[in-house]
């Protein structure tokens, strides 16, 4: 199946005034559009979420520890 870039989708997003100003300044400094900056930020956020979910899946089989037991162990080892 050939890969081709699909047309961008349009959405209305409302920014806090200060954030909007900061984005405009950043766009001007980097010679990128607001859309490029927002797309990059959303991609990064979603990638971080995906990494977190993968870490949860990797650790799903680990045994659970009761908070009280962890606290007791930390106190025993002089960490608290």
Protein backbone atom coordinates (compact mmCIF):
# COMPACT_ATOMS: atom_id res chain seq x y z
CA UNK A 1 0.00 0.00 0.00
CA UNK A 2 1.60 3.32 -0.98
CA UNK A 3 2.23 5.82 1.75
CA UNK A 4 1.17 9.37 1.14
CA UNK A 5 0.63 12.34 3.33
CA UNK A 6 -3.00 13.02 4.05
CA UNK A 7 -4.38 16.51 4.06
CA UNK A 8 -4.27 18.19 7.46
CA UNK A 9 -7.49 18.39 9.46
CA UNK A 10 -8.73 21.68 10.78
CA UNK A 11 -9.77 22.26 14.40
CA UNK A 12 -10.57 25.29 16.48
CA UNK A 13 -8.46 25.52 19.61
CA UNK A 14 -8.76 28.25 22.23
CA UNK A 15 -5.57 29.29 24.04
CA UNK A 16 -5.13 31.36 27.15
CA UNK A 17 -3.95 34.81 26.04
CA UNK A 18 -0.50 34.44 27.59
CA UNK A 19 0.02 31.04 26.04
CA UNK A 20 -1.11 32.31 22.65
CA UNK A 21 1.35 35.19 22.87
CA UNK A 22 4.18 32.82 23.84
CA UNK A 23 3.31 30.55 20.90
CA UNK A 24 3.34 33.50 18.48
CA UNK A 25 6.75 34.61 19.79
CA UNK A 26 8.12 31.05 19.58
CA UNK A 27 6.75 30.68 16.05
CA UNK A 28 8.44 33.91 14.98
CA UNK A 29 11.74 32.97 16.64
CA UNK A 30 11.82 29.49 15.09
CA UNK A 31 10.24 30.44 11.76
CA UNK A 32 7.61 27.75 12.29
CA UNK A 33 3.85 28.11 12.21
CA UNK A 34 1.64 27.86 15.29
CA UNK A 35 0.21 24.68 13.75
CA UNK A 36 3.69 23.15 13.49
CA UNK A 37 4.46 24.01 17.11
CA UNK A 38 1.15 22.68 18.41
CA UNK A 39 1.40 19.49 16.32
CA UNK A 40 4.93 18.85 17.63
CA UNK A 41 3.83 19.43 21.24
CA UNK A 42 0.82 17.12 20.90
CA UNK A 43 2.96 14.41 19.25
CA UNK A 44 5.50 14.64 22.08
CA UNK A 45 2.78 14.45 24.73
CA UNK A 46 1.17 11.43 23.08
CA UNK A 47 4.56 9.73 22.72
CA UNK A 48 5.21 10.24 26.44
CA UNK A 49 1.79 8.79 27.25
CA UNK A 50 2.57 5.80 25.02
CA UNK A 51 5.90 5.28 26.82
CA UNK A 52 4.12 5.40 30.18
CA UNK A 53 1.52 2.86 29.04
CA UNK A 54 4.28 0.57 27.75
CA UNK A 55 6.06 0.81 31.11
CA UNK A 56 2.84 -0.11 32.93
CA UNK A 57 2.39 -3.12 30.65
CA UNK A 58 6.01 -4.21 31.17
CA UNK A 59 5.56 -4.09 34.94
CA UNK A 60 2.06 -5.58 35.09
CA UNK A 61 3.36 -8.96 36.26
CA UNK A 62 5.39 -7.50 39.14
CA UNK A 63 4.01 -8.26 42.58
CA UNK A 64 2.11 -5.54 44.40
CA UNK A 65 3.41 -4.25 47.68
CA UNK A 66 1.26 -2.82 50.43
CA UNK A 67 2.08 0.80 51.19
CA UNK A 68 2.43 0.03 54.90
CA UNK A 69 5.02 -2.67 54.13
CA UNK A 70 7.02 -0.33 51.91
CA UNK A 71 6.89 2.35 54.59
CA UNK A 72 8.02 -0.11 57.26
CA UNK A 73 10.93 -1.27 55.05
CA UNK A 74 12.04 2.30 54.35
CA UNK A 75 12.01 3.08 58.09
CA UNK A 76 13.91 -0.15 58.84
CA UNK A 77 16.60 0.83 56.34
CA UNK A 78 16.85 4.37 57.74
CA UNK A 79 15.50 5.99 54.58
CA UNK A 80 12.68 7.71 56.49
